[in-house]
Structures are given as structure tokens and as C-alpha cells.
């Protein structure tokens, strides 16, 4: 599964694959920079990945979601933080790094300060 993405994104493997209950990961290099390829294998992880991909570091999109869903932005961000905390707890329980969940939490916290 990982080789498909390594080839598609022109990555260079930089370590052994890591398989967890929720994801397959591999240390890689992208244009010389160290990175981690992560492919989710369970729905919860896919949802988190989709959110991060869609958000792409631009919290303005969360305001669009809040407006369309008729939600208060702070309430939506609180939900995102709660989800991230739960996801991080599940990762730690499974013995895996909660990096993705923590990154989502960072984005939510940064956006809530705007």
C-alpha cells in the first residue's frame, strides 16, 4: 500500500515501514526534506486526514463550515479539540504516536485565537 504513495508522490524511503492498528507509516524524504508518510486504514484516521488536507493550514475554512452548518465557530473549534484529544488518547492506548491528532489540535487552538 505504501509503495503506491511513495511512487505517486516521488518520495524516497528513509526507514522501515511502521504498521499500527490504525495506520501504515514510513519515514521518507520529499525533495530532500524529512517527512512521514501516513496512510490511514481505519475510518476515524481517514476523517482526521481529510480534515487536515482540507484545512491545509488555513483556518478560514473552518469559518465557512461553521457558517454553512449554522454553528458558532468557537463551538466547532471546541468539538475539533475534543475529537483531537480523543483521537490522541486512542493512539496512545494503541501504542502509536498521536502526531496527527496533535497537529489538528494545534490548528484549532491557533484558529480560536483569531
C-alpha atoms as a PDB file:
ATOM      1  CA  UNK A   1       0.000   0.000   0.000  1.00  0.00           C
ATOM      2  CA  UNK A   2       2.754   2.483   0.919  1.00  0.00           C
ATOM      3  CA  UNK A   3       4.737   1.863  -2.266  1.00  0.00           C
ATOM      4  CA  UNK A   4       1.856   3.261  -4.334  1.00  0.00           C
ATOM      5  CA  UNK A   5       2.100   6.603  -2.495  1.00  0.00           C
ATOM      6  CA  UNK A   6       5.907   6.606  -2.443  1.00  0.00           C
ATOM      7  CA  UNK A   7       5.868   6.298  -6.219  1.00  0.00           C
ATOM      8  CA  UNK A   8       2.955   8.705  -6.820  1.00  0.00           C
ATOM      9  CA  UNK A   9       4.486  11.498  -4.738  1.00  0.00           C
ATOM     10  CA  UNK A  10       8.100  10.787  -5.713  1.00  0.00           C
ATOM     11  CA  UNK A  11       9.168  10.061  -2.139  1.00  0.00           C
ATOM     12  CA  UNK A  12      12.362   8.343  -1.074  1.00  0.00           C
ATOM     13  CA  UNK A  13      12.003   5.768   1.720  1.00  0.00           C
ATOM     14  CA  UNK A  14      14.138   6.770   4.714  1.00  0.00           C
ATOM     15  CA  UNK A  15      13.422   3.958   7.155  1.00  0.00           C
ATOM     16  CA  UNK A  16      11.372   0.857   7.747  1.00  0.00           C
ATOM     17  CA  UNK A  17       7.554   0.869   7.499  1.00  0.00           C
ATOM     18  CA  UNK A  18       5.626   1.081  10.762  1.00  0.00           C
ATOM     19  CA  UNK A  19       2.276  -0.693  10.974  1.00  0.00           C
ATOM     20  CA  UNK A  20      -0.223   0.201  13.698  1.00  0.00           C
ATOM     21  CA  UNK A  21      -3.825  -0.777  14.293  1.00  0.00           C
ATOM     22  CA  UNK A  22      -4.973   2.418  12.582  1.00  0.00           C
ATOM     23  CA  UNK A  23      -2.304   3.377  10.031  1.00  0.00           C
ATOM     24  CA  UNK A  24       0.692   2.434   7.966  1.00  0.00           C
ATOM     25  CA  UNK A  25       3.603   4.856   8.249  1.00  0.00           C
ATOM     26  CA  UNK A  26       7.028   5.208   6.679  1.00  0.00           C
ATOM     27  CA  UNK A  27       9.833   7.705   7.230  1.00  0.00           C
ATOM     28  CA  UNK A  28      10.520   9.289   3.833  1.00  0.00           C
ATOM     29  CA  UNK A  29      12.296  12.168   2.180  1.00  0.00           C
ATOM     30  CA  UNK A  30      10.442  14.579  -0.058  1.00  0.00           C
ATOM     31  CA  UNK A  31      12.667  16.812  -2.136  1.00  0.00           C
ATOM     32  CA  UNK A  32      15.410  16.112   0.409  1.00  0.00           C
ATOM     33  CA  UNK A  33      13.322  17.089   3.446  1.00  0.00           C
ATOM     34  CA  UNK A  34      12.478  14.530   6.108  1.00  0.00           C
ATOM     35  CA  UNK A  35       8.802  13.641   6.284  1.00  0.00           C
ATOM     36  CA  UNK A  36       6.481  10.875   7.420  1.00  0.00           C
ATOM     37  CA  UNK A  37       4.117   9.148   5.019  1.00  0.00           C
ATOM     38  CA  UNK A  38       0.961   8.067   6.820  1.00  0.00           C
ATOM     39  CA  UNK A  39      -1.837   6.055   5.233  1.00  0.00           C
ATOM     40  CA  UNK A  40      -4.910   5.589   7.399  1.00  0.00           C
ATOM     41  CA  UNK A  41      -6.527   2.164   7.450  1.00  0.00           C
ATOM     42  CA  UNK A  42      -9.497   2.940   9.724  1.00  0.00           C
ATOM     43  CA  UNK A  43     -12.301   5.421   9.168  1.00  0.00           C
ATOM     44  CA  UNK A  44     -11.523   7.625  12.182  1.00  0.00           C
ATOM     45  CA  UNK A  45      -7.996   8.248  10.930  1.00  0.00           C
ATOM     46  CA  UNK A  46      -9.243   8.896   7.383  1.00  0.00           C
ATOM     47  CA  UNK A  47     -11.632  11.562   8.677  1.00  0.00           C
ATOM     48  CA  UNK A  48      -8.791  13.265  10.549  1.00  0.00           C
ATOM     49  CA  UNK A  49      -6.584  13.133   7.468  1.00  0.00           C
ATOM     50  CA  UNK A  50      -9.368  14.593   5.344  1.00  0.00           C
ATOM     51  CA  UNK A  51      -9.809  17.461   7.778  1.00  0.00           C
ATOM     52  CA  UNK A  52      -6.086  18.241   7.774  1.00  0.00           C
ATOM     53  CA  UNK A  53      -5.893  18.029   3.983  1.00  0.00           C
ATOM     54  CA  UNK A  54      -8.914  20.255   3.544  1.00  0.00           C
ATOM     55  CA  UNK A  55      -7.805  22.726   6.221  1.00  0.00           C
ATOM     56  CA  UNK A  56      -4.298  22.885   4.693  1.00  0.00           C
ATOM     57  CA  UNK A  57      -3.098  25.296   7.371  1.00  0.00           C
ATOM     58  CA  UNK A  58      -5.826  27.808   6.533  1.00  0.00           C
ATOM     59  CA  UNK A  59      -8.238  28.128   9.418  1.00  0.00           C
ATOM     60  CA  UNK A  60     -10.509  30.439   7.412  1.00  0.00           C
ATOM     61  CA  UNK A  61     -12.168  27.338   6.014  1.00  0.00           C
ATOM     62  CA  UNK A  62     -13.395  26.362   9.462  1.00  0.00           C
ATOM     63  CA  UNK A  63     -15.391  29.598   9.485  1.00  0.00           C
ATOM     64  CA  UNK A  64     -17.056  28.572   6.225  1.00  0.00           C
ATOM     65  CA  UNK A  65     -18.012  25.201   7.734  1.00  0.00           C
ATOM     66  CA  UNK A  66     -19.378  26.908  10.833  1.00  0.00           C
ATOM     67  CA  UNK A  67     -21.443  29.318   8.766  1.00  0.00           C
ATOM     68  CA  UNK A  68     -22.861  26.656   6.457  1.00  0.00           C
ATOM     69  CA  UNK A  69     -23.650  24.355   9.391  1.00  0.00           C
ATOM     70  CA  UNK A  70     -25.044  27.303  11.365  1.00  0.00           C
ATOM     71  CA  UNK A  71     -22.647  26.637  14.229  1.00  0.00           C
ATOM     72  CA  UNK A  72     -20.753  29.021  16.430  1.00  0.00           C
ATOM     73  CA  UNK A  73     -17.095  28.969  15.331  1.00  0.00           C
ATOM     74  CA  UNK A  74     -15.826  28.574  18.886  1.00  0.00           C
ATOM     75  CA  UNK A  75     -18.203  25.673  19.456  1.00  0.00           C
ATOM     76  CA  UNK A  76     -16.987  23.965  16.286  1.00  0.00           C
ATOM     77  CA  UNK A  77     -13.354  24.505  17.302  1.00  0.00           C
ATOM     78  CA  UNK A  78     -14.139  23.075  20.752  1.00  0.00           C
ATOM     79  CA  UNK A  79     -15.547  19.979  19.022  1.00  0.00           C
ATOM     80  CA  UNK A  80     -12.398  19.698  16.894  1.00  0.00           C
ATOM     81  CA  UNK A  81     -10.232  19.951  20.025  1.00  0.00           C
ATOM     82  CA  UNK A  82     -12.328  17.310  21.802  1.00  0.00           C
ATOM     83  CA  UNK A  83     -12.060  14.985  18.796  1.00  0.00           C
ATOM     84  CA  UNK A  84      -8.302  15.554  18.625  1.00  0.00           C
ATOM     85  CA  UNK A  85      -7.902  14.761  22.326  1.00  0.00           C
ATOM     86  CA  UNK A  86      -9.927  11.573  21.987  1.00  0.00           C
ATOM     87  CA  UNK A  87      -8.005  10.532  18.886  1.00  0.00           C
ATOM     88  CA  UNK A  88      -4.687  11.218  20.648  1.00  0.00           C
ATOM     89  CA  UNK A  89      -5.831   9.121  23.618  1.00  0.00           C
ATOM     90  CA  UNK A  90      -6.772   6.236  21.311  1.00  0.00           C
ATOM     91  CA  UNK A  91      -3.380   6.480  19.592  1.00  0.00           C
ATOM     92  CA  UNK A  92      -1.519   6.398  22.898  1.00  0.00           C
ATOM     93  CA  UNK A  93      -3.642   3.476  24.056  1.00  0.00           C
ATOM     94  CA  UNK A  94      -2.692   1.623  20.861  1.00  0.00           C
ATOM     95  CA  UNK A  95       0.965   2.485  21.413  1.00  0.00           C
ATOM     96  CA  UNK A  96       1.181   4.803  18.422  1.00  0.00           C
ATOM     97  CA  UNK A  97       2.234   8.433  18.171  1.00  0.00           C
ATOM     98  CA  UNK A  98      -0.677  10.894  18.280  1.00  0.00           C
ATOM     99  CA  UNK A  99       1.018  13.311  15.869  1.00  0.00           C
ATOM    100  CA  UNK A 100      -1.930  13.813  13.513  1.00  0.00           C
ATOM    101  CA  UNK A 101      -4.391  14.475  16.310  1.00  0.00           C
ATOM    102  CA  UNK A 102      -1.992  16.875  17.993  1.00  0.00           C
ATOM    103  CA  UNK A 103      -1.480  18.785  14.732  1.00  0.00           C
ATOM    104  CA  UNK A 104      -5.247  19.146  14.346  1.00  0.00           C
ATOM    105  CA  UNK A 105      -5.430  20.435  17.931  1.00  0.00           C
ATOM    106  CA  UNK A 106      -2.670  22.970  17.154  1.00  0.00           C
ATOM    107  CA  UNK A 107      -4.613  24.242  14.152  1.00  0.00           C
ATOM    108  CA  UNK A 108      -7.810  24.561  16.177  1.00  0.00           C
ATOM    109  CA  UNK A 109      -6.075  26.411  19.014  1.00  0.00           C
ATOM    110  CA  UNK A 110      -4.374  28.784  16.570  1.00  0.00           C
ATOM    111  CA  UNK A 111      -7.682  29.500  14.872  1.00  0.00           C
ATOM    112  CA  UNK A 112      -9.546  30.057  18.145  1.00  0.00           C
ATOM    113  CA  UNK A 113      -7.141  32.891  18.949  1.00  0.00           C
ATOM    114  CA  UNK A 114      -8.109  34.870  15.849  1.00  0.00           C
END
